[in-house]
Amino acid sequence: MTVDMTGGAPEARVGVEIELGGLDVDACARVVAGVFGGEVAEEGRFERSVATDLGEFRVELDAGWLKALGRHSQPPGAMEEAVGRALETVATEVVPCEIVAPPIPRRDLGALDRLVSALGDAGGRGTYEALRFGFGVHFNPEVDPEDVHAVRRTMQAFAALHGRLSREYHVDPSRRLTTFIDPWPRAYRDRLMEPGYRPRSMSALMDDYLELTPTRNRALDLLPLFAHVDEARVRDRVGDEKVSPRPTFHYRMCNSRVGHPDWRLTQEWTSWLRVEALAADPARLARELSVAPRAPLPWDGLLT
C-alpha cells in the first residue's frame, strides 16, 4: 500500500534536522553539496552552510560552546588551532554533527532519503551504532499559530499515541536516557487529556503548558511555536537560549539510523502523519483520549 507522505497537504512545508556521528562538518557539508549541488561556505570552525535549489542547509557540531569557540577563533593562532583540532576529534565521537534542512514542501521529503543514503555511504552513523550515539531526527511541520483548536487537538493526539509510537517505531533506549525526548509530565498529560479540555485562546493553552512543562526537552516540544506567538511570555518562564521561535511543532522522538541500509527518513515521518490523522478526526480522537492510559510511561522517572 502506498502511503501519502504529505498528509493530504503537499504544499505544506516541514523542516528537518538530522543528527549523526562518524563524520565531521566538512565531510557532511560535502555530502550535502554532492547530493543537492551548491557551494559550501564556512561560518565558523564547526559550522558550514550549503546553498542549494531547495534552500540553505546548515551543518554544525551540535554544541553551543564549540560553535562559539569556532566563531571567536578566526583567524586562529597556533594554540587555538591545536585546541580546535583536539576538540573536533573528540567531539565527532560524542557530539552529533547536525544537518538542518531548510523548510521544504512535504512532497519533496523523499529527496532527503537520498541524502541519508549518501551520508551512510560516506561513513555516517546513527543511533544504533553505539550506546553513546543517542542521535535523532527532528521534524518541524509548519502550523497555523492562530488556530488554537488545531494545535490543541494535535497535542492531544500525540499524548494519546505517544506510548504506542515509541514502541512501534522502536525509540532507542540511549535516546530515552539523555532526557532530551522526555514525555510530558503526568500532571500535564492528565490536564491535556481531560474530557472537555478546550482552551479558548492560545494564551490560555500556553499558560497551562508553561506552568507544568517549562522545558524544551520533550518528545513534542511546543516552545518554538509558543515563542513565535509570544516570545516574552516564554522567555519569562524558560531561560533556555536554544528555544528558537518559529511557527512549527518541534517533533523530536524519531531515531536517526544513518548508515543502516534499510532505513529511510520518510519511514520516521509516517509516525508524525499518524498524529495529524488522529487530530483531524475529532470523533476518533475523543475515543482515543477516553481509553488512553493515564499511568506513567516507562521512563517517567527521568522527567525534569
C-alpha atoms as a PDB file:
ATOM      1  CA  MET A   1       0.000   0.000   0.000  1.00  0.00           C
ATOM      2  CA  THR A   2       1.315   3.464  -0.911  1.00  0.00           C
ATOM      3  CA  VAL A   3       1.460   5.928   1.981  1.00  0.00           C
ATOM      4  CA  ASP A   4       0.721   9.600   1.285  1.00  0.00           C
ATOM      5  CA  MET A   5       3.786  11.307   2.760  1.00  0.00           C
ATOM      6  CA  THR A   6       2.128  14.734   2.553  1.00  0.00           C
ATOM      7  CA  GLY A   7      -0.755  14.014   4.914  1.00  0.00           C
ATOM      8  CA  GLY A   8      -3.010  15.464   2.239  1.00  0.00           C
ATOM      9  CA  ALA A   9      -1.141  18.793   2.266  1.00  0.00           C
ATOM     10  CA  PRO A  10       1.639  18.562  -0.368  1.00  0.00           C
ATOM     11  CA  GLU A  11       2.325  22.326  -0.369  1.00  0.00           C
ATOM     12  CA  ALA A  12       2.725  22.491   3.413  1.00  0.00           C
ATOM     13  CA  ARG A  13       6.349  22.731   4.484  1.00  0.00           C
ATOM     14  CA  VAL A  14       8.417  20.902   7.071  1.00  0.00           C
ATOM     15  CA  GLY A  15      11.919  21.488   8.365  1.00  0.00           C
ATOM     16  CA  VAL A  16      14.130  18.507   9.191  1.00  0.00           C
ATOM     17  CA  GLU A  17      17.168  18.133  11.472  1.00  0.00           C
ATOM     18  CA  ILE A  18      19.345  15.017  11.167  1.00  0.00           C
ATOM     19  CA  GLU A  19      21.905  14.101  13.835  1.00  0.00           C
ATOM     20  CA  LEU A  20      24.709  11.650  13.118  1.00  0.00           C
ATOM     21  CA  GLY A  21      28.188  10.574  14.158  1.00  0.00           C
ATOM     22  CA  GLY A  22      31.231   9.386  12.268  1.00  0.00           C
ATOM     23  CA  LEU A  23      31.628  12.449  10.010  1.00  0.00           C
ATOM     24  CA  ASP A  24      32.914  15.939  10.710  1.00  0.00           C
ATOM     25  CA  VAL A  25      31.236  19.105   9.485  1.00  0.00           C
ATOM     26  CA  ASP A  26      33.332  19.326   6.323  1.00  0.00           C
ATOM     27  CA  ALA A  27      32.519  15.760   5.298  1.00  0.00           C
ATOM     28  CA  CYS A  28      28.796  16.266   5.999  1.00  0.00           C
ATOM     29  CA  ALA A  29      28.745  19.522   4.050  1.00  0.00           C
ATOM     30  CA  ARG A  30      30.460  17.863   1.088  1.00  0.00           C
ATOM     31  CA  VAL A  31      27.825  15.128   1.067  1.00  0.00           C
ATOM     32  CA  VAL A  32      25.020  17.711   1.107  1.00  0.00           C
ATOM     33  CA  ALA A  33      26.646  19.568  -1.794  1.00  0.00           C
ATOM     34  CA  GLY A  34      27.196  16.319  -3.658  1.00  0.00           C
ATOM     35  CA  VAL A  35      23.525  15.359  -3.415  1.00  0.00           C
ATOM     36  CA  PHE A  36      21.901  18.748  -3.988  1.00  0.00           C
ATOM     37  CA  GLY A  37      24.626  20.852  -5.587  1.00  0.00           C
ATOM     38  CA  GLY A  38      25.584  24.268  -4.295  1.00  0.00           C
ATOM     39  CA  GLU A  39      28.550  25.918  -2.643  1.00  0.00           C
ATOM     40  CA  VAL A  40      29.879  25.167   0.840  1.00  0.00           C
ATOM     41  CA  ALA A  41      30.539  28.242   2.990  1.00  0.00           C
ATOM     42  CA  GLU A  42      32.430  28.262   6.294  1.00  0.00           C
ATOM     43  CA  GLU A  43      30.550  30.096   9.063  1.00  0.00           C
ATOM     44  CA  GLY A  44      32.965  29.127  11.852  1.00  0.00           C
ATOM     45  CA  ARG A  45      35.283  26.244  12.659  1.00  0.00           C
ATOM     46  CA  PHE A  46      32.357  23.951  13.495  1.00  0.00           C
ATOM     47  CA  GLU A  47      29.685  25.398  11.170  1.00  0.00           C
ATOM     48  CA  ARG A  48      29.062  25.237   7.431  1.00  0.00           C
ATOM     49  CA  SER A  49      26.248  26.290   5.120  1.00  0.00           C
ATOM     50  CA  VAL A  50      25.345  24.908   1.708  1.00  0.00           C
ATOM     51  CA  ALA A  51      23.175  26.951  -0.679  1.00  0.00           C
ATOM     52  CA  THR A  52      21.031  24.622  -2.831  1.00  0.00           C
ATOM     53  CA  ASP A  53      17.943  24.815  -5.004  1.00  0.00           C
ATOM     54  CA  LEU A  54      15.919  23.556  -2.016  1.00  0.00           C
ATOM     55  CA  GLY A  55      17.259  26.360   0.149  1.00  0.00           C
ATOM     56  CA  GLU A  56      20.170  26.739   2.541  1.00  0.00           C
ATOM     57  CA  PHE A  57      21.306  23.718   4.553  1.00  0.00           C
ATOM     58  CA  ARG A  58      23.220  24.297   7.778  1.00  0.00           C
ATOM     59  CA  VAL A  59      25.800  21.787   9.033  1.00  0.00           C
ATOM     60  CA  GLU A  60      27.212  22.151  12.527  1.00  0.00           C
ATOM     61  CA  LEU A  61      28.509  20.324  15.558  1.00  0.00           C
ATOM     62  CA  ASP A  62      25.546  20.418  17.904  1.00  0.00           C
ATOM     63  CA  ALA A  63      27.169  22.041  20.915  1.00  0.00           C
ATOM     64  CA  GLY A  64      26.806  25.759  21.577  1.00  0.00           C
ATOM     65  CA  TRP A  65      30.152  26.230  23.333  1.00  0.00           C
ATOM     66  CA  LEU A  66      32.013  24.582  20.450  1.00  0.00           C
ATOM     67  CA  LYS A  67      30.335  26.839  17.905  1.00  0.00           C
ATOM     68  CA  ALA A  68      31.131  29.915  19.973  1.00  0.00           C
ATOM     69  CA  LEU A  69      34.781  28.870  20.206  1.00  0.00           C
ATOM     70  CA  GLY A  70      34.885  28.345  16.457  1.00  0.00           C
ATOM     71  CA  ARG A  71      33.462  31.798  15.723  1.00  0.00           C
ATOM     72  CA  HIS A  72      35.784  33.624  18.146  1.00  0.00           C
ATOM     73  CA  SER A  73      38.997  31.954  16.986  1.00  0.00           C
ATOM     74  CA  GLN A  74      39.168  33.386  13.472  1.00  0.00           C
ATOM     75  CA  PRO A  75      41.891  33.594  12.348  1.00  0.00           C
ATOM     76  CA  PRO A  76      43.244  31.050  14.856  1.00  0.00           C
ATOM     77  CA  GLY A  77      46.625  31.275  16.443  1.00  0.00           C
ATOM     78  CA  ALA A  78      48.781  28.188  16.944  1.00  0.00           C
ATOM     79  CA  MET A  79      47.286  27.425  20.366  1.00  0.00           C
ATOM     80  CA  GLU A  80      43.705  27.943  19.211  1.00  0.00           C
ATOM     81  CA  GLU A  81      44.361  25.773  16.165  1.00  0.00           C
ATOM     82  CA  ALA A  82      45.755  22.921  18.272  1.00  0.00           C
ATOM     83  CA  VAL A  83      42.899  23.128  20.786  1.00  0.00           C
ATOM     84  CA  GLY A  84      40.364  23.308  17.978  1.00  0.00           C
ATOM     85  CA  ARG A  85      41.742  20.189  16.281  1.00  0.00           C
ATOM     86  CA  ALA A  86      41.741  18.262  19.561  1.00  0.00           C
ATOM     87  CA  LEU A  87      38.199  19.319  20.406  1.00  0.00           C
ATOM     88  CA  GLU A  88      36.939  18.439  16.956  1.00  0.00           C
ATOM     89  CA  THR A  89      38.478  14.970  17.129  1.00  0.00           C
ATOM     90  CA  VAL A  90      36.805  14.261  20.467  1.00  0.00           C
ATOM     91  CA  ALA A  91      33.540  15.984  19.557  1.00  0.00           C
ATOM     92  CA  THR A  92      32.879  13.920  16.459  1.00  0.00           C
ATOM     93  CA  GLU A  93      32.746  10.837  18.712  1.00  0.00           C
ATOM     94  CA  VAL A  94      30.413  12.244  21.385  1.00  0.00           C
ATOM     95  CA  VAL A  95      28.669  15.300  19.893  1.00  0.00           C
ATOM     96  CA  PRO A  96      26.405  14.818  16.883  1.00  0.00           C
ATOM     97  CA  CYS A  97      27.001  16.557  13.635  1.00  0.00           C
ATOM     98  CA  GLU A  98      23.642  18.090  12.824  1.00  0.00           C
ATOM     99  CA  ILE A  99      22.337  18.793   9.341  1.00  0.00           C
ATOM    100  CA  VAL A 100      19.498  21.314   9.366  1.00  0.00           C
ATOM    101  CA  ALA A 101      17.492  21.281   6.156  1.00  0.00           C
ATOM    102  CA  PRO A 102      15.525  24.348   5.076  1.00  0.00           C
ATOM    103  CA  PRO A 103      11.722  24.148   5.273  1.00  0.00           C
ATOM    104  CA  ILE A 104      10.684  22.185   2.185  1.00  0.00           C
ATOM    105  CA  PRO A 105       7.316  21.108   0.773  1.00  0.00           C
ATOM    106  CA  ARG A 106       6.200  17.778   2.177  1.00  0.00           C
ATOM    107  CA  ARG A 107       6.013  16.349  -1.322  1.00  0.00           C
ATOM    108  CA  ASP A 108       9.825  16.797  -1.579  1.00  0.00           C
ATOM    109  CA  LEU A 109      10.721  14.918   1.617  1.00  0.00           C
ATOM    110  CA  GLY A 110      11.808  11.899  -0.419  1.00  0.00           C
ATOM    111  CA  ALA A 111      14.816  13.914  -1.593  1.00  0.00           C
ATOM    112  CA  LEU A 112      16.192  13.700   1.951  1.00  0.00           C
ATOM    113  CA  ASP A 113      16.241   9.906   1.700  1.00  0.00           C
ATOM    114  CA  ARG A 114      18.902  10.344  -0.989  1.00  0.00           C
ATOM    115  CA  LEU A 115      20.852  12.488   1.459  1.00  0.00           C
ATOM    116  CA  VAL A 116      20.749   9.983   4.345  1.00  0.00           C
ATOM    117  CA  SER A 117      21.761   7.184   1.978  1.00  0.00           C
ATOM    118  CA  ALA A 118      24.761   9.220   0.806  1.00  0.00           C
ATOM    119  CA  LEU A 119      25.700  10.073   4.399  1.00  0.00           C
ATOM    120  CA  GLY A 120      25.712   6.378   5.255  1.00  0.00           C
ATOM    121  CA  ASP A 121      27.861   5.576   2.233  1.00  0.00           C
ATOM    122  CA  ALA A 122      30.336   8.228   3.399  1.00  0.00           C
ATOM    123  CA  GLY A 123      30.652   6.656   6.861  1.00  0.00           C
ATOM    124  CA  GLY A 124      27.906   8.422   8.791  1.00  0.00           C
ATOM    125  CA  ARG A 125      26.499   6.501  11.756  1.00  0.00           C
ATOM    126  CA  GLY A 126      23.221   6.775  13.624  1.00  0.00           C
ATOM    127  CA  THR A 127      21.598   5.795  16.883  1.00  0.00           C
ATOM    128  CA  TYR A 128      22.195   2.058  16.816  1.00  0.00           C
ATOM    129  CA  GLU A 129      25.944   2.144  16.174  1.00  0.00           C
ATOM    130  CA  ALA A 130      26.933   2.816  19.800  1.00  0.00           C
ATOM    131  CA  LEU A 131      25.241   3.486  23.132  1.00  0.00           C
ATOM    132  CA  ARG A 132      26.741   6.981  23.208  1.00  0.00           C
ATOM    133  CA  PHE A 133      25.054   7.780  19.889  1.00  0.00           C
ATOM    134  CA  GLY A 134      21.647   8.846  21.178  1.00  0.00           C
ATOM    135  CA  PHE A 135      21.039  10.675  17.907  1.00  0.00           C
ATOM    136  CA  GLY A 136      17.698  11.673  16.476  1.00  0.00           C
ATOM    137  CA  VAL A 137      15.755  13.150  13.600  1.00  0.00           C
ATOM    138  CA  HIS A 138      13.607  16.177  14.345  1.00  0.00           C
ATOM    139  CA  PHE A 139      10.672  17.236  12.201  1.00  0.00           C
ATOM    140  CA  ASN A 140       9.328  20.793  12.257  1.00  0.00           C
ATOM    141  CA  PRO A 141       5.969  20.772  10.439  1.00  0.00           C
ATOM    142  CA  GLU A 142       4.530  24.222   9.942  1.00  0.00           C
ATOM    143  CA  VAL A 143       1.267  25.042  11.700  1.00  0.00           C
ATOM    144  CA  ASP A 144      -1.152  27.966  11.791  1.00  0.00           C
ATOM    145  CA  PRO A 145      -0.109  29.683  15.042  1.00  0.00           C
ATOM    146  CA  GLU A 146      -3.535  31.301  15.433  1.00  0.00           C
ATOM    147  CA  ASP A 147      -5.572  28.075  15.265  1.00  0.00           C
ATOM    148  CA  VAL A 148      -5.622  27.172  18.951  1.00  0.00           C
ATOM    149  CA  HIS A 149      -8.045  24.284  18.451  1.00  0.00           C
ATOM    150  CA  ALA A 150      -5.911  22.624  15.755  1.00  0.00           C
ATOM    151  CA  VAL A 151      -2.831  22.998  17.960  1.00  0.00           C
ATOM    152  CA  ARG A 152      -4.682  21.600  20.983  1.00  0.00           C
ATOM    153  CA  ARG A 153      -6.067  18.619  19.041  1.00  0.00           C
ATOM    154  CA  THR A 154      -2.593  17.801  17.710  1.00  0.00           C
ATOM    155  CA  MET A 155      -1.164  17.896  21.229  1.00  0.00           C
ATOM    156  CA  GLN A 156      -3.952  15.645  22.478  1.00  0.00           C
ATOM    157  CA  ALA A 157      -3.435  13.230  19.593  1.00  0.00           C
ATOM    158  CA  PHE A 158       0.268  12.998  20.424  1.00  0.00           C
ATOM    159  CA  ALA A 159      -0.489  12.427  24.108  1.00  0.00           C
ATOM    160  CA  ALA A 160      -2.857   9.583  23.193  1.00  0.00           C
ATOM    161  CA  LEU A 161      -0.399   7.959  20.768  1.00  0.00           C
ATOM    162  CA  HIS A 162       2.952   8.623  22.455  1.00  0.00           C
ATOM    163  CA  GLY A 163       3.460   5.248  24.125  1.00  0.00           C
ATOM    164  CA  ARG A 164       2.242   3.353  21.069  1.00  0.00           C
ATOM    165  CA  LEU A 165       4.510   5.249  18.693  1.00  0.00           C
ATOM    166  CA  SER A 166       7.502   4.767  20.988  1.00  0.00           C
ATOM    167  CA  ARG A 167       7.002   1.008  20.938  1.00  0.00           C
ATOM    168  CA  GLU A 168       6.107   0.610  17.280  1.00  0.00           C
ATOM    169  CA  TYR A 169       8.905   2.856  15.993  1.00  0.00           C
ATOM    170  CA  HIS A 170      11.412   1.389  18.482  1.00  0.00           C
ATOM    171  CA  VAL A 171      12.658   4.585  20.100  1.00  0.00           C
ATOM    172  CA  ASP A 172      16.171   3.661  21.175  1.00  0.00           C
ATOM    173  CA  PRO A 173      16.912   3.368  24.942  1.00  0.00           C
ATOM    174  CA  SER A 174      20.044   5.517  24.528  1.00  0.00           C
ATOM    175  CA  ARG A 175      17.837   8.420  23.454  1.00  0.00           C
ATOM    176  CA  ARG A 176      15.464   7.990  26.397  1.00  0.00           C
ATOM    177  CA  LEU A 177      18.398   8.130  28.812  1.00  0.00           C
ATOM    178  CA  THR A 178      19.501  11.533  27.512  1.00  0.00           C
ATOM    179  CA  THR A 179      16.227  13.185  28.762  1.00  0.00           C
ATOM    180  CA  PHE A 180      16.128  15.196  25.505  1.00  0.00           C
ATOM    181  CA  ILE A 181      12.920  13.433  24.466  1.00  0.00           C
ATOM    182  CA  ASP A 182      11.150  13.039  27.800  1.00  0.00           C
ATOM    183  CA  PRO A 183       7.371  12.672  27.727  1.00  0.00           C
ATOM    184  CA  TRP A 184       5.237  15.430  29.163  1.00  0.00           C
ATOM    185  CA  PRO A 185       4.830  15.165  32.949  1.00  0.00           C
ATOM    186  CA  ARG A 186       1.840  13.160  34.083  1.00  0.00           C
ATOM    187  CA  ALA A 187       0.164  16.256  35.554  1.00  0.00           C
ATOM    188  CA  TYR A 188       0.222  17.955  32.171  1.00  0.00           C
ATOM    189  CA  ARG A 189      -0.878  14.862  30.240  1.00  0.00           C
ATOM    190  CA  ASP A 190      -3.807  14.459  32.622  1.00  0.00           C
ATOM    191  CA  ARG A 191      -4.884  18.066  32.117  1.00  0.00           C
ATOM    192  CA  LEU A 192      -4.488  17.895  28.355  1.00  0.00           C
ATOM    193  CA  MET A 193      -6.496  14.664  28.123  1.00  0.00           C
ATOM    194  CA  GLU A 194      -9.381  15.726  30.385  1.00  0.00           C
ATOM    195  CA  PRO A 195     -12.801  15.449  28.693  1.00  0.00           C
ATOM    196  CA  GLY A 196     -13.817  18.911  27.586  1.00  0.00           C
ATOM    197  CA  TYR A 197     -10.333  20.451  27.744  1.00  0.00           C
ATOM    198  CA  ARG A 198     -10.643  23.233  25.162  1.00  0.00           C
ATOM    199  CA  PRO A 199      -8.742  26.442  25.948  1.00  0.00           C
ATOM    200  CA  ARG A 200     -10.324  29.279  24.014  1.00  0.00           C
ATOM    201  CA  SER A 201      -7.142  31.190  23.339  1.00  0.00           C
ATOM    202  CA  MET A 202      -3.521  30.434  22.571  1.00  0.00           C
ATOM    203  CA  SER A 203      -2.583  32.387  25.690  1.00  0.00           C
ATOM    204  CA  ALA A 204      -4.591  30.005  27.877  1.00  0.00           C
ATOM    205  CA  LEU A 205      -3.057  26.963  26.180  1.00  0.00           C
ATOM    206  CA  MET A 206       0.409  28.441  26.621  1.00  0.00           C
ATOM    207  CA  ASP A 207      -0.164  29.232  30.301  1.00  0.00           C
ATOM    208  CA  ASP A 208      -1.089  25.626  31.076  1.00  0.00           C
ATOM    209  CA  TYR A 209       1.953  24.328  29.196  1.00  0.00           C
ATOM    210  CA  LEU A 210       4.414  26.786  30.735  1.00  0.00           C
ATOM    211  CA  GLU A 211       3.069  26.089  34.216  1.00  0.00           C
ATOM    212  CA  LEU A 212       3.541  22.322  34.060  1.00  0.00           C
ATOM    213  CA  THR A 213       6.274  21.624  31.488  1.00  0.00           C
ATOM    214  CA  PRO A 214       8.567  24.681  31.047  1.00  0.00           C
ATOM    215  CA  THR A 215      11.406  22.904  29.216  1.00  0.00           C
ATOM    216  CA  ARG A 216      12.346  22.163  25.624  1.00  0.00           C
ATOM    217  CA  ASN A 217      13.414  18.595  26.482  1.00  0.00           C
ATOM    218  CA  ARG A 218      10.223  16.929  25.316  1.00  0.00           C
ATOM    219  CA  ALA A 219       9.435  14.442  22.553  1.00  0.00           C
ATOM    220  CA  LEU A 220       6.995  17.050  21.249  1.00  0.00           C
ATOM    221  CA  ASP A 221       8.344  20.487  22.100  1.00  0.00           C
ATOM    222  CA  LEU A 222       5.844  23.365  21.878  1.00  0.00           C
ATOM    223  CA  LEU A 223       8.213  26.126  22.987  1.00  0.00           C
ATOM    224  CA  PRO A 224       9.289  27.193  19.457  1.00  0.00           C
ATOM    225  CA  LEU A 225       5.645  27.655  18.449  1.00  0.00           C
ATOM    226  CA  PHE A 226       4.709  29.425  21.669  1.00  0.00           C
ATOM    227  CA  ALA A 227       7.769  31.692  21.431  1.00  0.00           C
ATOM    228  CA  HIS A 228       6.672  32.596  17.903  1.00  0.00           C
ATOM    229  CA  VAL A 229       3.270  33.614  19.295  1.00  0.00           C
ATOM    230  CA  ASP A 230       4.540  35.416  22.410  1.00  0.00           C
ATOM    231  CA  GLU A 231       8.295  35.274  22.900  1.00  0.00           C
ATOM    232  CA  ALA A 232       8.328  37.435  26.027  1.00  0.00           C
ATOM    233  CA  ARG A 233       5.892  35.097  27.785  1.00  0.00           C
ATOM    234  CA  VAL A 234       8.088  32.090  27.040  1.00  0.00           C
ATOM    235  CA  ARG A 235      11.384  33.814  27.928  1.00  0.00           C
ATOM    236  CA  ASP A 236       9.883  34.853  31.246  1.00  0.00           C
ATOM    237  CA  ARG A 237       9.391  31.188  32.195  1.00  0.00           C
ATOM    238  CA  VAL A 238      12.147  29.385  30.272  1.00  0.00           C
ATOM    239  CA  GLY A 239      15.764  30.522  30.331  1.00  0.00           C
ATOM    240  CA  ASP A 240      16.976  28.192  27.579  1.00  0.00           C
ATOM    241  CA  GLU A 241      18.643  30.203  24.800  1.00  0.00           C
ATOM    242  CA  LYS A 242      18.200  27.311  22.353  1.00  0.00           C
ATOM    243  CA  VAL A 243      14.460  27.959  22.109  1.00  0.00           C
ATOM    244  CA  SER A 244      14.122  29.255  18.539  1.00  0.00           C
ATOM    245  CA  PRO A 245      10.789  30.969  17.717  1.00  0.00           C
ATOM    246  CA  ARG A 246       9.116  29.535  14.614  1.00  0.00           C
ATOM    247  CA  PRO A 247       5.536  28.638  13.589  1.00  0.00           C
ATOM    248  CA  THR A 248       6.085  24.882  13.785  1.00  0.00           C
ATOM    249  CA  PHE A 249       5.695  21.905  16.040  1.00  0.00           C
ATOM    250  CA  HIS A 250       9.080  20.502  17.093  1.00  0.00           C
ATOM    251  CA  TYR A 251       8.764  16.707  16.963  1.00  0.00           C
ATOM    252  CA  ARG A 252      11.925  15.141  18.355  1.00  0.00           C
ATOM    253  CA  MET A 253      11.092  11.496  19.039  1.00  0.00           C
ATOM    254  CA  CYS A 254      12.397   9.821  15.871  1.00  0.00           C
ATOM    255  CA  ASN A 255      15.643   7.838  15.731  1.00  0.00           C
ATOM    256  CA  SER A 256      18.479   8.635  13.359  1.00  0.00           C
ATOM    257  CA  ARG A 257      19.609   5.385  11.760  1.00  0.00           C
ATOM    258  CA  VAL A 258      22.038   6.837   9.236  1.00  0.00           C
ATOM    259  CA  GLY A 259      24.194   4.010   7.912  1.00  0.00           C
ATOM    260  CA  HIS A 260      21.530   1.318   8.193  1.00  0.00           C
ATOM    261  CA  PRO A 261      20.909   0.087   4.625  1.00  0.00           C
ATOM    262  CA  ASP A 262      17.147  -0.368   5.034  1.00  0.00           C
ATOM    263  CA  TRP A 263      16.417   2.880   6.853  1.00  0.00           C
ATOM    264  CA  ARG A 264      14.553   5.774   5.272  1.00  0.00           C
ATOM    265  CA  LEU A 265      13.909   9.134   6.876  1.00  0.00           C
ATOM    266  CA  THR A 266      10.419   9.072   5.399  1.00  0.00           C
ATOM    267  CA  GLN A 267       9.691   5.967   7.485  1.00  0.00           C
ATOM    268  CA  GLU A 268      10.105   8.096  10.615  1.00  0.00           C
ATOM    269  CA  TRP A 269       7.912  10.835   9.131  1.00  0.00           C
ATOM    270  CA  THR A 270       4.942   8.444   8.979  1.00  0.00           C
ATOM    271  CA  SER A 271       4.797   8.490  12.792  1.00  0.00           C
ATOM    272  CA  TRP A 272       4.000  12.211  12.697  1.00  0.00           C
ATOM    273  CA  LEU A 273       1.411  11.691   9.974  1.00  0.00           C
ATOM    274  CA  ARG A 274      -0.388   9.316  12.324  1.00  0.00           C
ATOM    275  CA  VAL A 275      -0.587  12.099  14.920  1.00  0.00           C
ATOM    276  CA  GLU A 276      -2.002  14.518  12.350  1.00  0.00           C
ATOM    277  CA  ALA A 277      -4.532  11.974  11.083  1.00  0.00           C
ATOM    278  CA  LEU A 278      -5.867  11.408  14.599  1.00  0.00           C
ATOM    279  CA  ALA A 279      -6.012  15.149  15.302  1.00  0.00           C
ATOM    280  CA  ALA A 280      -8.066  15.656  12.142  1.00  0.00           C
ATOM    281  CA  ASP A 281     -10.717  13.125  13.261  1.00  0.00           C
ATOM    282  CA  PRO A 282     -12.442  14.595  16.371  1.00  0.00           C
ATOM    283  CA  ALA A 283     -14.680  11.564  16.991  1.00  0.00           C
ATOM    284  CA  ARG A 284     -11.781   9.104  16.890  1.00  0.00           C
ATOM    285  CA  LEU A 285      -9.647  11.474  18.945  1.00  0.00           C
ATOM    286  CA  ALA A 286     -12.313  11.580  21.669  1.00  0.00           C
ATOM    287  CA  ARG A 287     -12.423   7.763  21.736  1.00  0.00           C
ATOM    288  CA  GLU A 288      -8.625   7.502  21.923  1.00  0.00           C
ATOM    289  CA  LEU A 289      -8.448  10.006  24.765  1.00  0.00           C
ATOM    290  CA  SER A 290     -11.096   8.115  26.702  1.00  0.00           C
ATOM    291  CA  VAL A 291      -9.149   4.848  26.640  1.00  0.00           C
ATOM    292  CA  ALA A 292      -5.550   6.118  26.680  1.00  0.00           C
ATOM    293  CA  PRO A 293      -3.700   5.035  29.857  1.00  0.00           C
ATOM    294  CA  ARG A 294      -3.014   7.700  32.467  1.00  0.00           C
ATOM    295  CA  ALA A 295      -0.297   5.577  34.118  1.00  0.00           C
ATOM    296  CA  PRO A 296       3.283   6.876  33.814  1.00  0.00           C
ATOM    297  CA  LEU A 297       5.223   5.974  30.706  1.00  0.00           C
ATOM    298  CA  PRO A 298       8.173   3.599  31.185  1.00  0.00           C
ATOM    299  CA  TRP A 299      10.779   6.346  31.597  1.00  0.00           C
ATOM    300  CA  ASP A 300       8.755   8.887  33.615  1.00  0.00           C
ATOM    301  CA  GLY A 301      11.405   8.690  36.320  1.00  0.00           C
ATOM    302  CA  LEU A 302      13.721  10.701  34.048  1.00  0.00           C
ATOM    303  CA  LEU A 303      11.387  13.686  33.870  1.00  0.00           C
ATOM    304  CA  THR A 304      12.740  17.085  34.751  1.00  0.00           C
END
